[in-house]
């Protein structure tokens, strides 16, 4: 990796997190801490506001944006793979946004690379024999509720084919058995439940805050699978 690519990589790396120590940047780009200091100085000299907070590390203010002006063909091809996976293993809401993002990526590629990306996209298919997937559109709304910690009101059909209305506090999404599961605190049952996203027939964000301040983390819930 040449220095210009590394500098832009450091900017992207810093923008993807709140704080980052020099040692972590050094490990990420396989360089010395001394080189990190030189690179940070170089970024500051060209006007990129890299700040430092004691005991936390380097950070770029959240109101600073560096437009992603270019992608390498390899980066574009990697994202094409991800978009194909999204088409198979997500729902309509995710596919819509993934396709929009892919169009933006193709727009900043050179014409010759765009042609190659189009050809690659048409020649990558994923075949997973399974029952026909229900065309739901809940994943984007669920993701938003998880981030904002708001209550969802859903209508849900359980494994006994019984329909019920629930108010739930979404905690996380888990993909297993070829489908998405919503891990959430159910206010009706007063406990954590695993809801198959495909079995949700209606969903609305109430914008009410969670009643529980701290929820059992997804990784701790997954330990019960073992």
Protein backbone atom coordinates (compact mmCIF):
# COMPACT_ATOMS: atom_id res chain seq x y z
CA UNK A 1 0.00 0.00 0.00
CA UNK A 2 1.48 3.37 -1.02
CA UNK A 3 1.41 6.30 1.38
CA UNK A 4 -1.48 8.17 -0.28
CA UNK A 5 -3.71 5.10 -0.10
CA UNK A 6 -2.66 4.58 3.51
CA UNK A 7 -3.46 8.19 4.46
CA UNK A 8 -6.92 7.95 2.94
CA UNK A 9 -7.33 4.58 4.64
CA UNK A 10 -6.49 6.14 8.02
CA UNK A 11 -9.11 8.86 7.43
CA UNK A 12 -11.77 6.23 6.63
CA UNK A 13 -10.67 4.14 9.62
CA UNK A 14 -10.96 7.09 12.00
CA UNK A 15 -14.33 8.14 10.61
CA UNK A 16 -15.71 4.66 11.31
CA UNK A 17 -15.20 4.92 15.10
CA UNK A 18 -15.33 7.48 17.90
CA UNK A 19 -11.71 7.22 19.05
CA UNK A 20 -8.66 5.22 18.11
CA UNK A 21 -5.24 4.91 19.72
CA UNK A 22 -2.08 5.12 17.61
CA UNK A 23 -1.23 1.50 18.39
CA UNK A 24 -4.49 0.30 16.87
CA UNK A 25 -3.89 2.33 13.71
CA UNK A 26 -0.38 0.86 13.53
CA UNK A 27 -1.76 -2.69 13.78
CA UNK A 28 -4.45 -2.00 11.19
CA UNK A 29 -2.00 -0.72 8.55
CA UNK A 30 1.02 -2.79 9.61
CA UNK A 31 3.19 0.25 10.30
CA UNK A 32 5.10 1.57 13.33
CA UNK A 33 3.58 3.96 15.85
CA UNK A 34 6.21 6.51 14.80
CA UNK A 35 4.89 6.28 11.22
CA UNK A 36 1.35 6.80 12.52
CA UNK A 37 2.47 10.06 14.15
CA UNK A 38 4.01 11.21 10.86
CA UNK A 39 0.87 10.28 8.92
CA UNK A 40 -1.41 12.09 11.37
CA UNK A 41 0.78 15.19 11.04
CA UNK A 42 0.60 14.93 7.23
CA UNK A 43 -3.22 14.70 7.35
CA UNK A 44 -3.37 17.79 9.55
CA UNK A 45 -1.12 19.68 7.16
CA UNK A 46 -3.51 19.08 4.24
CA UNK A 47 -6.50 20.30 6.26
CA UNK A 48 -8.05 17.11 7.61
CA UNK A 49 -8.98 17.79 11.28
CA UNK A 50 -7.48 14.86 13.18
CA UNK A 51 -7.80 15.62 16.90
CA UNK A 52 -6.55 13.80 19.98
CA UNK A 53 -8.10 13.26 23.40
CA UNK A 54 -6.02 11.96 26.28
CA UNK A 55 -6.74 8.33 27.27
CA UNK A 56 -9.14 7.93 24.32
CA UNK A 57 -7.07 8.54 21.21
CA UNK A 58 -7.36 10.18 17.81
CA UNK A 59 -10.67 11.19 16.28
CA UNK A 60 -12.13 13.16 13.39
CA UNK A 61 -15.05 15.49 14.28
CA UNK A 62 -18.37 13.95 13.30
CA UNK A 63 -19.30 16.97 11.17
CA UNK A 64 -16.32 16.42 8.85
CA UNK A 65 -16.93 14.41 5.71
CA UNK A 66 -14.44 13.30 3.09
CA UNK A 67 -16.37 12.34 -0.07
CA UNK A 68 -15.52 8.82 -1.29
CA UNK A 69 -14.36 9.95 -4.72
CA UNK A 70 -12.96 6.67 -5.93
CA UNK A 71 -13.09 2.93 -5.49
CA UNK A 72 -10.60 0.39 -6.77
CA UNK A 73 -12.02 -2.33 -9.05
CA UNK A 74 -11.28 -4.85 -6.30
CA UNK A 75 -13.30 -2.84 -3.75
CA UNK A 76 -16.20 -2.54 -6.20
CA UNK A 77 -16.11 -6.28 -6.91
CA UNK A 78 -16.14 -7.06 -3.19
CA UNK A 79 -19.24 -4.90 -2.77
CA UNK A 80 -20.92 -6.65 -5.71
CA UNK A 81 -20.53 -9.93 -3.80
CA UNK A 82 -22.10 -8.33 -0.73
CA UNK A 83 -25.02 -6.94 -2.76
CA UNK A 84 -25.67 -10.42 -4.16
CA UNK A 85 -25.73 -11.84 -0.65
CA UNK A 86 -28.11 -9.07 0.43
CA UNK A 87 -30.49 -10.01 -2.39
CA UNK A 88 -30.64 -13.59 -1.13
CA UNK A 89 -30.37 -13.26 2.63
CA UNK A 90 -32.11 -9.96 3.47
CA UNK A 91 -35.48 -8.45 2.59
CA UNK A 92 -36.93 -5.86 0.21
CA UNK A 93 -35.95 -2.88 2.36
CA UNK A 94 -32.27 -3.88 2.49
CA UNK A 95 -32.15 -4.85 -1.19
CA UNK A 96 -33.53 -1.44 -2.19
CA UNK A 97 -30.83 0.47 -0.30
CA UNK A 98 -28.08 -1.94 -1.33
CA UNK A 99 -28.92 -1.49 -5.00
CA UNK A 100 -28.92 2.31 -4.60
CA UNK A 101 -25.52 2.18 -2.91
CA UNK A 102 -24.14 -0.07 -5.66
CA UNK A 103 -25.36 2.36 -8.33
CA UNK A 104 -23.47 5.17 -6.57
CA UNK A 105 -20.33 3.05 -6.46
CA UNK A 106 -20.54 2.26 -10.16
CA UNK A 107 -21.05 5.97 -10.88
CA UNK A 108 -17.59 6.85 -9.56
CA UNK A 109 -15.75 4.03 -11.36
CA UNK A 110 -13.93 4.55 -14.62
CA UNK A 111 -16.05 3.57 -17.63
CA UNK A 112 -14.00 0.43 -18.34
CA UNK A 113 -14.23 -0.66 -14.71
CA UNK A 114 -17.99 -0.02 -14.71
CA UNK A 115 -18.39 -2.37 -17.66
CA UNK A 116 -16.41 -5.06 -15.86
CA UNK A 117 -18.47 -4.52 -12.70
CA UNK A 118 -21.70 -4.93 -14.67
CA UNK A 119 -20.41 -8.13 -16.26
CA UNK A 120 -19.31 -9.54 -12.91
CA UNK A 121 -22.65 -8.66 -11.34
CA UNK A 122 -24.54 -10.57 -14.03
CA UNK A 123 -22.34 -13.62 -13.56
CA UNK A 124 -22.57 -14.05 -9.80
CA UNK A 125 -25.56 -16.00 -8.53
CA UNK A 126 -26.30 -17.63 -5.19
CA UNK A 127 -28.38 -20.79 -5.09
CA UNK A 128 -29.65 -21.99 -1.73
CA UNK A 129 -32.38 -24.63 -1.95
CA UNK A 130 -35.04 -23.68 0.58
CA UNK A 131 -38.69 -22.85 0.84
CA UNK A 132 -39.88 -19.74 -0.96
CA UNK A 133 -38.83 -16.59 0.89
CA UNK A 134 -41.54 -14.25 2.11
CA UNK A 135 -41.10 -10.76 0.70
CA UNK A 136 -41.11 -8.73 3.89
CA UNK A 137 -39.71 -5.22 4.29
CA UNK A 138 -39.01 -4.92 7.99
CA UNK A 139 -35.22 -5.05 8.38
CA UNK A 140 -34.50 -1.34 7.84
CA UNK A 141 -37.20 -0.32 10.34
CA UNK A 142 -35.94 -2.91 12.83
CA UNK A 143 -32.36 -1.68 12.49
CA UNK A 144 -33.50 1.88 13.13
CA UNK A 145 -35.42 0.84 16.25
CA UNK A 146 -32.42 -1.09 17.59
CA UNK A 147 -30.17 1.95 17.17
CA UNK A 148 -32.70 4.43 18.59
CA UNK A 149 -33.85 2.04 21.35
CA UNK A 150 -37.52 2.52 20.56
CA UNK A 151 -40.47 0.17 21.07
CA UNK A 152 -41.95 -1.70 18.09
CA UNK A 153 -45.61 -2.69 17.88
CA UNK A 154 -46.00 -5.86 15.85
CA UNK A 155 -48.51 -8.50 14.80
CA UNK A 156 -46.82 -11.89 14.95
CA UNK A 157 -47.74 -15.46 14.04
CA UNK A 158 -45.99 -18.01 16.27
CA UNK A 159 -45.06 -21.64 15.56
CA UNK A 160 -48.56 -22.71 16.57
CA UNK A 161 -50.03 -20.45 13.87
CA UNK A 162 -51.52 -18.19 16.56
CA UNK A 163 -51.63 -14.47 15.77
CA UNK A 164 -50.89 -11.99 18.54
CA UNK A 165 -50.17 -8.31 18.99
CA UNK A 166 -47.03 -7.40 20.88
CA UNK A 167 -45.04 -4.41 22.02
CA UNK A 168 -41.37 -5.32 21.99
CA UNK A 169 -38.05 -3.67 22.77
CA UNK A 170 -35.69 -4.77 19.94
CA UNK A 171 -32.14 -5.61 20.99
CA UNK A 172 -30.53 -7.29 17.98
CA UNK A 173 -30.83 -9.26 14.76
CA UNK A 174 -29.50 -12.80 14.37
CA UNK A 175 -29.33 -14.81 11.14
CA UNK A 176 -29.62 -18.58 11.46
CA UNK A 177 -31.60 -21.42 9.87
CA UNK A 178 -31.59 -19.35 6.65
CA UNK A 179 -33.73 -16.59 8.12
CA UNK A 180 -33.52 -13.44 10.24
CA UNK A 181 -34.57 -13.54 13.88
CA UNK A 182 -35.34 -10.47 15.97
CA UNK A 183 -34.11 -10.81 19.54
CA UNK A 184 -36.22 -8.55 21.74
CA UNK A 185 -37.76 -7.98 25.15
CA UNK A 186 -41.50 -8.77 24.92
CA UNK A 187 -43.58 -6.53 27.15
CA UNK A 188 -46.52 -8.94 26.99
CA UNK A 189 -44.53 -12.01 28.10
CA UNK A 190 -42.13 -10.00 30.29
CA UNK A 191 -39.13 -11.83 28.91
CA UNK A 192 -36.73 -12.10 26.01
CA UNK A 193 -38.12 -13.70 22.89
CA UNK A 194 -36.87 -14.75 19.47
CA UNK A 195 -39.18 -13.51 16.69
CA UNK A 196 -38.81 -14.80 13.13
CA UNK A 197 -38.87 -11.67 10.98
CA UNK A 198 -40.74 -13.47 8.19
CA UNK A 199 -43.59 -14.19 10.62
CA UNK A 200 -44.19 -10.51 11.39
CA UNK A 201 -47.30 -9.41 9.47
CA UNK A 202 -47.30 -5.75 10.55
CA UNK A 203 -44.77 -3.52 12.24
CA UNK A 204 -44.82 0.07 13.50
CA UNK A 205 -42.28 2.10 15.42
CA UNK A 206 -44.04 3.71 18.39
CA UNK A 207 -41.00 5.98 19.01
CA UNK A 208 -41.45 5.25 22.73
CA UNK A 209 -38.22 4.64 24.64
CA UNK A 210 -37.35 1.23 26.09
CA UNK A 211 -38.63 0.64 29.61
CA UNK A 212 -35.52 -1.40 30.43
CA UNK A 213 -32.37 0.71 30.57
CA UNK A 214 -30.03 -2.25 30.09
CA UNK A 215 -30.78 -5.35 28.02
CA UNK A 216 -29.08 -8.72 27.85
CA UNK A 217 -26.53 -8.43 25.04
CA UNK A 218 -26.91 -10.46 21.87
CA UNK A 219 -23.62 -12.29 22.44
CA UNK A 220 -24.79 -13.37 25.91
CA UNK A 221 -28.13 -14.53 24.48
CA UNK A 222 -26.28 -16.57 21.85
CA UNK A 223 -24.45 -18.49 24.60
CA UNK A 224 -27.78 -20.23 25.32
CA UNK A 225 -27.57 -21.80 21.85
CA UNK A 226 -24.57 -23.92 22.86
